[in-house]
Amino acid sequence: IECILRPSKILEIKNALGNIGVHGMTVTEAIGCGLQKGHIDPDDLENW
């Protein structure tokens, strides 16, 4: 199972999985964009 998630959710997910007996996982910091398409940098608003 491979998940791409909000960083703010990782500890809650780790604890919830631990509660159902899943203790082994690999966690990696990543960057990306999908439907969210990132955001426009406020410094670049003149070029939007």
All heavy atoms as atom14 arrays in JSON, in Angstrom:
{
  "sequence": "IECILRPSKILEIKNALGNIGVHGMTVTEAIGCGLQKGHIDPDDLENW",
  "atom14_mask": [
    [1, 1, 1, 1, 1, 1, 1, 1, 0, 0, 0, 0, 0, 0],
    [1, 1, 1, 1, 1, 1, 1, 1, 1, 0, 0, 0, 0, 0],
    [1, 1, 1, 1, 1, 1, 0, 0, 0, 0, 0, 0, 0, 0],
    [1, 1, 1, 1, 1, 1, 1, 1, 0, 0, 0, 0, 0, 0],
    [1, 1, 1, 1, 1, 1, 1, 1, 0, 0, 0, 0, 0, 0],
    [1, 1, 1, 1, 1, 1, 1, 1, 1, 1, 1, 0, 0, 0],
    [1, 1, 1, 1, 1, 1, 1, 0, 0, 0, 0, 0, 0, 0],
    [1, 1, 1, 1, 1, 1, 0, 0, 0, 0, 0, 0, 0, 0],
    [1, 1, 1, 1, 1, 1, 1, 1, 1, 0, 0, 0, 0, 0],
    [1, 1, 1, 1, 1, 1, 1, 1, 0, 0, 0, 0, 0, 0],
    [1, 1, 1, 1, 1, 1, 1, 1, 0, 0, 0, 0, 0, 0],
    [1, 1, 1, 1, 1, 1, 1, 1, 1, 0, 0, 0, 0, 0],
    [1, 1, 1, 1, 1, 1, 1, 1, 0, 0, 0, 0, 0, 0],
    [1, 1, 1, 1, 1, 1, 1, 1, 1, 0, 0, 0, 0, 0],
    [1, 1, 1, 1, 1, 1, 1, 1, 0, 0, 0, 0, 0, 0],
    [1, 1, 1, 1, 1, 0, 0, 0, 0, 0, 0, 0, 0, 0],
    [1, 1, 1, 1, 1, 1, 1, 1, 0, 0, 0, 0, 0, 0],
    [1, 1, 1, 1, 0, 0, 0, 0, 0, 0, 0, 0, 0, 0],
    [1, 1, 1, 1, 1, 1, 1, 1, 0, 0, 0, 0, 0, 0],
    [1, 1, 1, 1, 1, 1, 1, 1, 0, 0, 0, 0, 0, 0],
    [1, 1, 1, 1, 0, 0, 0, 0, 0, 0, 0, 0, 0, 0],
    [1, 1, 1, 1, 1, 1, 1, 0, 0, 0, 0, 0, 0, 0],
    [1, 1, 1, 1, 1, 1, 1, 1, 1, 1, 0, 0, 0, 0],
    [1, 1, 1, 1, 0, 0, 0, 0, 0, 0, 0, 0, 0, 0],
    [1, 1, 1, 1, 1, 1, 1, 1, 0, 0, 0, 0, 0, 0],
    [1, 1, 1, 1, 1, 1, 1, 0, 0, 0, 0, 0, 0, 0],
    [1, 1, 1, 1, 1, 1, 1, 0, 0, 0, 0, 0, 0, 0],
    [1, 1, 1, 1, 1, 1, 1, 0, 0, 0, 0, 0, 0, 0],
    [1, 1, 1, 1, 1, 1, 1, 1, 1, 0, 0, 0, 0, 0],
    [1, 1, 1, 1, 1, 0, 0, 0, 0, 0, 0, 0, 0, 0],
    [1, 1, 1, 1, 1, 1, 1, 1, 0, 0, 0, 0, 0, 0],
    [1, 1, 1, 1, 0, 0, 0, 0, 0, 0, 0, 0, 0, 0],
    [1, 1, 1, 1, 1, 1, 0, 0, 0, 0, 0, 0, 0, 0],
    [1, 1, 1, 1, 0, 0, 0, 0, 0, 0, 0, 0, 0, 0],
    [1, 1, 1, 1, 1, 1, 1, 1, 0, 0, 0, 0, 0, 0],
    [1, 1, 1, 1, 1, 1, 1, 1, 1, 0, 0, 0, 0, 0],
    [1, 1, 1, 1, 1, 1, 1, 1, 1, 0, 0, 0, 0, 0],
    [1, 1, 1, 1, 0, 0, 0, 0, 0, 0, 0, 0, 0, 0],
    [1, 1, 1, 1, 1, 1, 1, 1, 1, 1, 0, 0, 0, 0],
    [1, 1, 1, 1, 1, 1, 1, 1, 0, 0, 0, 0, 0, 0],
    [1, 1, 1, 1, 1, 1, 1, 1, 0, 0, 0, 0, 0, 0],
    [1, 1, 1, 1, 1, 1, 1, 0, 0, 0, 0, 0, 0, 0],
    [1, 1, 1, 1, 1, 1, 1, 1, 0, 0, 0, 0, 0, 0],
    [1, 1, 1, 1, 1, 1, 1, 1, 0, 0, 0, 0, 0, 0],
    [1, 1, 1, 1, 1, 1, 1, 1, 0, 0, 0, 0, 0, 0],
    [1, 1, 1, 1, 1, 1, 1, 1, 1, 0, 0, 0, 0, 0],
    [1, 1, 1, 1, 1, 1, 1, 1, 0, 0, 0, 0, 0, 0],
    [1, 1, 1, 1, 1, 1, 1, 1, 1, 1, 1, 1, 1, 1]
  ],
  "atom14_positions": [
    [[0.87, -1.17, 0.0], [0.0, 0.0, 0.0], [0.91, 1.22, 0.0], [1.79, 1.35, 0.84], [-0.93, 0.0, 1.23], [-1.81, -1.24, 1.2], [-1.75, 1.29, 1.26], [-2.66, -1.43, 2.44], [0.0, 0.0, 0.0], [0.0, 0.0, 0.0], [0.0, 0.0, 0.0], [0.0, 0.0, 0.0], [0.0, 0.0, 0.0], [0.0, 0.0, 0.0]],
    [[0.69, 2.09, -0.97], [1.49, 3.31, -1.12], [0.52, 4.49, -1.09], [-0.45, 4.51, -1.84], [2.23, 3.26, -2.45], [3.14, 4.41, -2.72], [3.87, 4.19, -4.05], [4.66, 3.23, -4.15], [3.63, 4.99, -4.97], [0.0, 0.0, 0.0], [0.0, 0.0, 0.0], [0.0, 0.0, 0.0], [0.0, 0.0, 0.0], [0.0, 0.0, 0.0]],
    [[0.77, 5.44, -0.21], [-0.12, 6.58, -0.05], [0.66, 7.88, -0.22], [1.77, 8.0, 0.28], [-0.73, 6.61, 1.36], [-1.37, 5.07, 1.95], [0.0, 0.0, 0.0], [0.0, 0.0, 0.0], [0.0, 0.0, 0.0], [0.0, 0.0, 0.0], [0.0, 0.0, 0.0], [0.0, 0.0, 0.0], [0.0, 0.0, 0.0], [0.0, 0.0, 0.0]],
    [[0.03, 8.84, -0.87], [0.55, 10.19, -0.93], [-0.44, 11.03, -0.14], [-1.62, 11.13, -0.5], [0.65, 10.71, -2.38], [1.42, 9.73, -3.27], [1.26, 12.11, -2.41], [2.85, 9.48, -2.88], [0.0, 0.0, 0.0], [0.0, 0.0, 0.0], [0.0, 0.0, 0.0], [0.0, 0.0, 0.0], [0.0, 0.0, 0.0], [0.0, 0.0, 0.0]],
    [[0.03, 11.63, 0.96], [-0.87, 12.25, 1.93], [-0.41, 13.64, 2.34], [0.74, 14.02, 2.11], [-0.94, 11.38, 3.19], [-1.31, 9.92, 2.99], [-0.99, 9.12, 4.23], [-2.77, 9.8, 2.62], [0.0, 0.0, 0.0], [0.0, 0.0, 0.0], [0.0, 0.0, 0.0], [0.0, 0.0, 0.0], [0.0, 0.0, 0.0], [0.0, 0.0, 0.0]],
    [[-1.31, 14.34, 3.02], [-0.94, 15.62, 3.63], [0.04, 15.34, 4.77], [-0.21, 14.47, 5.61], [-2.17, 16.3, 4.22], [-3.22, 16.7, 3.22], [-4.43, 17.29, 3.95], [-5.51, 17.55, 3.02], [-5.65, 18.69, 2.34], [-4.77, 19.67, 2.51], [-6.65, 18.84, 1.5], [0.0, 0.0, 0.0], [0.0, 0.0, 0.0], [0.0, 0.0, 0.0]],
    [[1.13, 16.09, 4.85], [2.09, 15.88, 5.94], [1.46, 16.01, 7.33], [1.87, 15.31, 8.26], [3.14, 16.97, 5.71], [3.05, 17.28, 4.26], [1.61, 17.09, 3.89], [0.0, 0.0, 0.0], [0.0, 0.0, 0.0], [0.0, 0.0, 0.0], [0.0, 0.0, 0.0], [0.0, 0.0, 0.0], [0.0, 0.0, 0.0], [0.0, 0.0, 0.0]],
    [[0.47, 16.84, 7.47], [-0.15, 17.06, 8.77], [-0.92, 15.84, 9.29], [-1.27, 15.78, 10.46], [-1.1, 18.25, 8.71], [-2.15, 18.0, 7.78], [0.0, 0.0, 0.0], [0.0, 0.0, 0.0], [0.0, 0.0, 0.0], [0.0, 0.0, 0.0], [0.0, 0.0, 0.0], [0.0, 0.0, 0.0], [0.0, 0.0, 0.0], [0.0, 0.0, 0.0]],
    [[-1.16, 14.86, 8.43], [-1.93, 13.68, 8.81], [-1.09, 12.48, 9.21], [-1.61, 11.49, 9.71], [-2.87, 13.27, 7.66], [-3.97, 14.27, 7.36], [-4.95, 14.28, 8.5], [-6.19, 15.1, 8.19], [-7.18, 14.95, 9.24], [0.0, 0.0, 0.0], [0.0, 0.0, 0.0], [0.0, 0.0, 0.0], [0.0, 0.0, 0.0], [0.0, 0.0, 0.0]],
    [[0.22, 12.53, 9.03], [1.03, 11.32, 9.16], [1.03, 10.74, 10.57], [0.91, 9.53, 10.74], [2.48, 11.54, 8.64], [3.26, 10.22, 8.65], [3.2, 12.6, 9.41], [2.66, 9.12, 7.84], [0.0, 0.0, 0.0], [0.0, 0.0, 0.0], [0.0, 0.0, 0.0], [0.0, 0.0, 0.0], [0.0, 0.0, 0.0], [0.0, 0.0, 0.0]],
    [[1.15, 11.56, 11.6], [1.17, 11.0, 12.95], [-0.16, 10.38, 13.33], [-0.21, 9.3, 13.95], [1.56, 12.08, 13.97], [3.03, 12.51, 13.9], [3.32, 13.61, 14.92], [3.96, 11.34, 14.09], [0.0, 0.0, 0.0], [0.0, 0.0, 0.0], [0.0, 0.0, 0.0], [0.0, 0.0, 0.0], [0.0, 0.0, 0.0], [0.0, 0.0, 0.0]],
    [[-1.25, 11.0, 12.93], [-2.58, 10.45, 13.2], [-2.77, 9.13, 12.47], [-3.32, 8.17, 13.02], [-3.64, 11.48, 12.78], [-5.02, 11.17, 13.27], [-6.02, 12.26, 12.9], [-5.62, 13.35, 12.45], [-7.22, 11.98, 13.04], [0.0, 0.0, 0.0], [0.0, 0.0, 0.0], [0.0, 0.0, 0.0], [0.0, 0.0, 0.0], [0.0, 0.0, 0.0]],
    [[-2.3, 9.05, 11.24], [-2.41, 7.81, 10.45], [-1.53, 6.73, 11.07], [-1.96, 5.58, 11.22], [-2.05, 8.07, 8.98], [-3.2, 8.84, 8.33], [-1.75, 6.78, 8.23], [-2.91, 9.39, 6.97], [0.0, 0.0, 0.0], [0.0, 0.0, 0.0], [0.0, 0.0, 0.0], [0.0, 0.0, 0.0], [0.0, 0.0, 0.0], [0.0, 0.0, 0.0]],
    [[-0.3, 7.07, 11.46], [0.6, 6.1, 12.1], [-0.06, 5.52, 13.35], [-0.04, 4.31, 13.57], [1.93, 6.76, 12.45], [2.92, 5.85, 13.14], [4.13, 6.64, 13.59], [5.03, 5.84, 14.49], [4.45, 5.51, 15.78], [0.0, 0.0, 0.0], [0.0, 0.0, 0.0], [0.0, 0.0, 0.0], [0.0, 0.0, 0.0], [0.0, 0.0, 0.0]],
    [[-0.63, 6.37, 14.18], [-1.28, 5.9, 15.4], [-2.5, 5.04, 15.11], [-2.71, 4.0, 15.75], [-1.67, 7.09, 16.29], [-0.46, 7.79, 16.86], [0.6, 7.2, 17.0], [-0.61, 9.07, 17.15], [0.0, 0.0, 0.0], [0.0, 0.0, 0.0], [0.0, 0.0, 0.0], [0.0, 0.0, 0.0], [0.0, 0.0, 0.0], [0.0, 0.0, 0.0]],
    [[-3.33, 5.43, 14.14], [-4.52, 4.66, 13.78], [-4.14, 3.29, 13.23], [-4.76, 2.28, 13.56], [-5.38, 5.43, 12.78], [0.0, 0.0, 0.0], [0.0, 0.0, 0.0], [0.0, 0.0, 0.0], [0.0, 0.0, 0.0], [0.0, 0.0, 0.0], [0.0, 0.0, 0.0], [0.0, 0.0, 0.0], [0.0, 0.0, 0.0], [0.0, 0.0, 0.0]],
    [[-3.09, 3.24, 12.4], [-2.64, 1.95, 11.87], [-2.05, 1.09, 12.98], [-2.25, -0.12, 13.0], [-1.63, 2.16, 10.74], [-2.21, 2.75, 9.45], [-1.09, 3.08, 8.46], [-3.22, 1.81, 8.83], [0.0, 0.0, 0.0], [0.0, 0.0, 0.0], [0.0, 0.0, 0.0], [0.0, 0.0, 0.0], [0.0, 0.0, 0.0], [0.0, 0.0, 0.0]],
    [[-1.33, 1.69, 13.92], [-0.81, 0.95, 15.06], [-1.92, 0.31, 15.88], [-1.78, -0.81, 16.36], [0.0, 0.0, 0.0], [0.0, 0.0, 0.0], [0.0, 0.0, 0.0], [0.0, 0.0, 0.0], [0.0, 0.0, 0.0], [0.0, 0.0, 0.0], [0.0, 0.0, 0.0], [0.0, 0.0, 0.0], [0.0, 0.0, 0.0], [0.0, 0.0, 0.0]],
    [[-3.05, 1.02, 15.98], [-4.2, 0.51, 16.73], [-4.81, -0.74, 16.1], [-5.48, -1.52, 16.78], [-5.27, 1.58, 16.9], [-4.84, 2.67, 17.87], [-3.96, 2.47, 18.69], [-5.45, 3.84, 17.75], [0.0, 0.0, 0.0], [0.0, 0.0, 0.0], [0.0, 0.0, 0.0], [0.0, 0.0, 0.0], [0.0, 0.0, 0.0], [0.0, 0.0, 0.0]],
    [[-4.61, -0.92, 14.79], [-5.15, -2.12, 14.12], [-4.04, -3.14, 13.85], [-4.24, -4.1, 13.11], [-5.94, -1.78, 12.84], [-5.05, -1.14, 11.77], [-7.15, -0.92, 13.16], [-5.7, -1.03, 10.4], [0.0, 0.0, 0.0], [0.0, 0.0, 0.0], [0.0, 0.0, 0.0], [0.0, 0.0, 0.0], [0.0, 0.0, 0.0], [0.0, 0.0, 0.0]],
    [[-2.85, -2.91, 14.43], [-1.79, -3.9, 14.35], [-0.78, -3.71, 13.23], [0.05, -4.58, 13.0], [0.0, 0.0, 0.0], [0.0, 0.0, 0.0], [0.0, 0.0, 0.0], [0.0, 0.0, 0.0], [0.0, 0.0, 0.0], [0.0, 0.0, 0.0], [0.0, 0.0, 0.0], [0.0, 0.0, 0.0], [0.0, 0.0, 0.0], [0.0, 0.0, 0.0]],
    [[-0.82, -2.57, 12.55], [0.16, -2.3, 11.49], [1.21, -1.38, 12.06], [0.92, -0.23, 12.41], [-0.51, -1.65, 10.25], [0.53, -1.3, 9.2], [-1.57, -2.58, 9.68], [0.0, 0.0, 0.0], [0.0, 0.0, 0.0], [0.0, 0.0, 0.0], [0.0, 0.0, 0.0], [0.0, 0.0, 0.0], [0.0, 0.0, 0.0], [0.0, 0.0, 0.0]],
    [[2.44, -1.89, 12.18], [3.51, -1.1, 12.8], [4.65, -0.79, 11.84], [5.39, 0.15, 12.06], [4.04, -1.82, 14.04], [2.97, -2.08, 15.04], [2.41, -1.09, 15.81], [2.32, -3.22, 15.39], [1.49, -1.59, 16.6], [1.41, -2.9, 16.36], [0.0, 0.0, 0.0], [0.0, 0.0, 0.0], [0.0, 0.0, 0.0], [0.0, 0.0, 0.0]],
    [[4.81, -1.57, 10.79], [5.91, -1.36, 9.85], [5.48, -0.5, 8.68], [4.47, -0.77, 8.03], [0.0, 0.0, 0.0], [0.0, 0.0, 0.0], [0.0, 0.0, 0.0], [0.0, 0.0, 0.0], [0.0, 0.0, 0.0], [0.0, 0.0, 0.0], [0.0, 0.0, 0.0], [0.0, 0.0, 0.0], [0.0, 0.0, 0.0], [0.0, 0.0, 0.0]],
    [[6.22, 0.55, 8.44], [5.95, 1.43, 7.3], [7.19, 2.23, 6.99], [8.07, 2.38, 7.83], [4.76, 2.35, 7.58], [4.98, 3.32, 8.72], [3.54, 4.33, 9.11], [2.43, 3.1, 9.76], [0.0, 0.0, 0.0], [0.0, 0.0, 0.0], [0.0, 0.0, 0.0], [0.0, 0.0, 0.0], [0.0, 0.0, 0.0], [0.0, 0.0, 0.0]],
    [[7.26, 2.73, 5.79], [8.32, 3.64, 5.37], [7.67, 4.97, 5.05], [6.67, 5.02, 4.32], [9.06, 3.1, 4.14], [9.63, 1.83, 4.46], [10.15, 4.05, 3.68], [0.0, 0.0, 0.0], [0.0, 0.0, 0.0], [0.0, 0.0, 0.0], [0.0, 0.0, 0.0], [0.0, 0.0, 0.0], [0.0, 0.0, 0.0], [0.0, 0.0, 0.0]],
    [[8.22, 6.04, 5.59], [7.66, 7.38, 5.39], [8.72, 8.25, 4.74], [9.86, 8.3, 5.21], [7.21, 7.99, 6.73], [6.66, 9.39, 6.53], [6.18, 7.1, 7.41], [0.0, 0.0, 0.0], [0.0, 0.0, 0.0], [0.0, 0.0, 0.0], [0.0, 0.0, 0.0], [0.0, 0.0, 0.0], [0.0, 0.0, 0.0], [0.0, 0.0, 0.0]],
    [[8.34, 8.91, 3.65], [9.26, 9.74, 2.88], [8.64, 11.11, 2.65], [7.47, 11.2, 2.29], [9.55, 9.09, 1.5], [9.94, 7.73, 1.69], [10.63, 9.84, 0.75], [0.0, 0.0, 0.0], [0.0, 0.0, 0.0], [0.0, 0.0, 0.0], [0.0, 0.0, 0.0], [0.0, 0.0, 0.0], [0.0, 0.0, 0.0], [0.0, 0.0, 0.0]],
    [[9.42, 12.16, 2.83], [8.95, 13.49, 2.47], [8.99, 13.59, 0.95], [9.94, 13.13, 0.31], [9.84, 14.56, 3.08], [9.72, 14.65, 4.59], [10.61, 15.74, 5.18], [11.19, 16.54, 4.42], [10.7, 15.77, 6.41], [0.0, 0.0, 0.0], [0.0, 0.0, 0.0], [0.0, 0.0, 0.0], [0.0, 0.0, 0.0], [0.0, 0.0, 0.0]],
    [[7.96, 14.22, 0.38], [7.88, 14.34, -1.07], [7.3, 15.71, -1.43], [6.78, 16.42, -0.57], [6.99, 13.24, -1.64], [0.0, 0.0, 0.0], [0.0, 0.0, 0.0], [0.0, 0.0, 0.0], [0.0, 0.0, 0.0], [0.0, 0.0, 0.0], [0.0, 0.0, 0.0], [0.0, 0.0, 0.0], [0.0, 0.0, 0.0], [0.0, 0.0, 0.0]],
    [[7.41, 16.08, -2.69], [6.72, 17.25, -3.2], [6.01, 16.84, -4.48], [6.44, 15.91, -5.17], [7.66, 18.45, -3.46], [8.78, 18.07, -4.44], [8.22, 19.0, -2.18], [9.63, 19.25, -4.87], [0.0, 0.0, 0.0], [0.0, 0.0, 0.0], [0.0, 0.0, 0.0], [0.0, 0.0, 0.0], [0.0, 0.0, 0.0], [0.0, 0.0, 0.0]],
    [[4.89, 17.48, -4.78], [4.17, 17.14, -5.99], [2.93, 18.0, -6.16], [2.63, 18.86, -5.35], [0.0, 0.0, 0.0], [0.0, 0.0, 0.0], [0.0, 0.0, 0.0], [0.0, 0.0, 0.0], [0.0, 0.0, 0.0], [0.0, 0.0, 0.0], [0.0, 0.0, 0.0], [0.0, 0.0, 0.0], [0.0, 0.0, 0.0], [0.0, 0.0, 0.0]],
    [[2.23, 17.73, -7.24], [0.96, 18.4, -7.48], [0.07, 17.47, -8.29], [0.54, 16.6, -9.0], [1.13, 19.73, -8.2], [1.81, 19.6, -9.86], [0.0, 0.0, 0.0], [0.0, 0.0, 0.0], [0.0, 0.0, 0.0], [0.0, 0.0, 0.0], [0.0, 0.0, 0.0], [0.0, 0.0, 0.0], [0.0, 0.0, 0.0], [0.0, 0.0, 0.0]],
    [[-1.21, 17.63, -8.11], [-2.2, 16.83, -8.83], [-3.33, 17.76, -9.22], [-3.11, 18.83, -9.79], [0.0, 0.0, 0.0], [0.0, 0.0, 0.0], [0.0, 0.0, 0.0], [0.0, 0.0, 0.0], [0.0, 0.0, 0.0], [0.0, 0.0, 0.0], [0.0, 0.0, 0.0], [0.0, 0.0, 0.0], [0.0, 0.0, 0.0], [0.0, 0.0, 0.0]],
    [[-4.57, 17.4, -8.87], [-5.7, 18.27, -9.16], [-5.55, 19.62, -8.49], [-6.05, 20.63, -8.97], [-7.0, 17.61, -8.67], [-7.49, 16.4, -9.45], [-8.75, 15.82, -8.81], [-7.76, 16.77, -10.89], [0.0, 0.0, 0.0], [0.0, 0.0, 0.0], [0.0, 0.0, 0.0], [0.0, 0.0, 0.0], [0.0, 0.0, 0.0], [0.0, 0.0, 0.0]],
    [[-4.85, 19.62, -7.37], [-4.63, 20.85, -6.62], [-3.84, 21.85, -7.45], [-3.98, 23.05, -7.28], [-3.84, 20.48, -5.36], [-4.09, 21.34, -4.19], [-3.42, 20.75, -2.95], [-2.85, 19.67, -2.98], [-3.51, 21.46, -1.87], [0.0, 0.0, 0.0], [0.0, 0.0, 0.0], [0.0, 0.0, 0.0], [0.0, 0.0, 0.0], [0.0, 0.0, 0.0]],
    [[-2.98, 21.36, -8.32], [-2.16, 22.15, -9.23], [-1.28, 23.16, -8.51], [-0.93, 24.19, -9.04], [-3.02, 22.85, -10.27], [-3.71, 21.88, -11.19], [-4.37, 22.6, -12.33], [-4.85, 21.61, -13.35], [-6.18, 21.19, -13.23], [0.0, 0.0, 0.0], [0.0, 0.0, 0.0], [0.0, 0.0, 0.0], [0.0, 0.0, 0.0], [0.0, 0.0, 0.0]],
    [[-0.92, 22.87, -7.28], [-0.05, 23.78, -6.55], [-0.74, 25.09, -6.28], [-1.95, 25.16, -6.18], [0.0, 0.0, 0.0], [0.0, 0.0, 0.0], [0.0, 0.0, 0.0], [0.0, 0.0, 0.0], [0.0, 0.0, 0.0], [0.0, 0.0, 0.0], [0.0, 0.0, 0.0], [0.0, 0.0, 0.0], [0.0, 0.0, 0.0], [0.0, 0.0, 0.0]],
    [[0.03, 26.14, -6.21], [-0.54, 27.46, -6.01], [0.36, 28.48, -6.68], [1.51, 28.23, -6.99], [-0.69, 27.77, -4.52], [0.61, 27.8, -3.78], [1.19, 26.65, -3.29], [1.44, 28.81, -3.46], [2.33, 26.96, -2.7], [2.51, 28.25, -2.78], [0.0, 0.0, 0.0], [0.0, 0.0, 0.0], [0.0, 0.0, 0.0], [0.0, 0.0, 0.0]],
    [[-0.19, 29.67, -6.94], [0.58, 30.74, -7.56], [1.34, 31.47, -6.47], [0.78, 31.88, -5.46], [-0.34, 31.71, -8.33], [-1.0, 30.96, -9.49], [0.44, 32.91, -8.83], [-2.0, 31.79, -10.25], [0.0, 0.0, 0.0], [0.0, 0.0, 0.0], [0.0, 0.0, 0.0], [0.0, 0.0, 0.0], [0.0, 0.0, 0.0], [0.0, 0.0, 0.0]],
    [[2.62, 31.62, -6.65], [3.46, 32.33, -5.71], [3.02, 33.79, -5.67], [2.93, 34.44, -6.72], [4.92, 32.22, -6.17], [5.9, 32.79, -5.17], [5.52, 33.69, -4.4], [7.06, 32.33, -5.17], [0.0, 0.0, 0.0], [0.0, 0.0, 0.0], [0.0, 0.0, 0.0], [0.0, 0.0, 0.0], [0.0, 0.0, 0.0], [0.0, 0.0, 0.0]],
    [[2.74, 34.34, -4.5], [2.3, 35.74, -4.41], [3.26, 36.72, -5.08], [2.85, 37.75, -5.58], [2.22, 36.01, -2.91], [2.07, 34.67, -2.29], [2.77, 33.7, -3.2], [0.0, 0.0, 0.0], [0.0, 0.0, 0.0], [0.0, 0.0, 0.0], [0.0, 0.0, 0.0], [0.0, 0.0, 0.0], [0.0, 0.0, 0.0], [0.0, 0.0, 0.0]],
    [[4.56, 36.38, -5.12], [5.53, 37.25, -5.78], [5.39, 37.25, -7.29], [5.92, 38.13, -7.96], [6.95, 36.83, -5.41], [7.24, 37.01, -3.93], [6.61, 37.89, -3.3], [8.1, 36.26, -3.41], [0.0, 0.0, 0.0], [0.0, 0.0, 0.0], [0.0, 0.0, 0.0], [0.0, 0.0, 0.0], [0.0, 0.0, 0.0], [0.0, 0.0, 0.0]],
    [[4.66, 36.26, -7.83], [4.51, 36.15, -9.29], [3.11, 36.53, -9.76], [2.74, 36.26, -10.89], [4.8, 34.72, -9.75], [6.29, 34.4, -9.66], [7.1, 35.34, -9.65], [6.62, 33.21, -9.61], [0.0, 0.0, 0.0], [0.0, 0.0, 0.0], [0.0, 0.0, 0.0], [0.0, 0.0, 0.0], [0.0, 0.0, 0.0], [0.0, 0.0, 0.0]],
    [[2.31, 37.16, -8.91], [0.94, 37.48, -9.29], [0.87, 38.39, -10.51], [-0.06, 38.3, -11.3], [0.19, 38.13, -8.11], [-0.23, 37.16, -7.02], [-0.9, 37.92, -5.89], [-1.15, 36.08, -7.54], [0.0, 0.0, 0.0], [0.0, 0.0, 0.0], [0.0, 0.0, 0.0], [0.0, 0.0, 0.0], [0.0, 0.0, 0.0], [0.0, 0.0, 0.0]],
    [[1.88, 39.25, -10.71], [1.85, 40.14, -11.88], [1.98, 39.36, -13.18], [1.6, 39.84, -14.24], [2.93, 41.22, -11.78], [4.36, 40.73, -11.88], [4.94, 40.3, -10.54], [4.24, 40.34, -9.51], [6.12, 39.9, -10.52], [0.0, 0.0, 0.0], [0.0, 0.0, 0.0], [0.0, 0.0, 0.0], [0.0, 0.0, 0.0], [0.0, 0.0, 0.0]],
    [[2.49, 38.12, -13.12], [2.68, 37.31, -14.33], [1.61, 36.23, -14.49], [1.72, 35.39, -15.36], [4.05, 36.63, -14.29], [5.17, 37.63, -14.28], [5.09, 38.65, -14.93], [6.22, 37.34, -13.53], [0.0, 0.0, 0.0], [0.0, 0.0, 0.0], [0.0, 0.0, 0.0], [0.0, 0.0, 0.0], [0.0, 0.0, 0.0], [0.0, 0.0, 0.0]],
    [[0.58, 36.23, -13.65], [-0.38, 35.13, -13.62], [-1.07, 34.91, -14.96], [-1.4, 33.8, -15.31], [-1.42, 35.33, -12.53], [-2.43, 36.38, -12.83], [-2.36, 37.69, -12.52], [-3.67, 36.21, -13.51], [-3.47, 38.36, -12.96], [-4.29, 37.47, -13.57], [-4.32, 35.12, -14.1], [-5.52, 37.67, -14.2], [-5.54, 35.32, -14.7], [-6.13, 36.58, -14.74]]
  ]
}
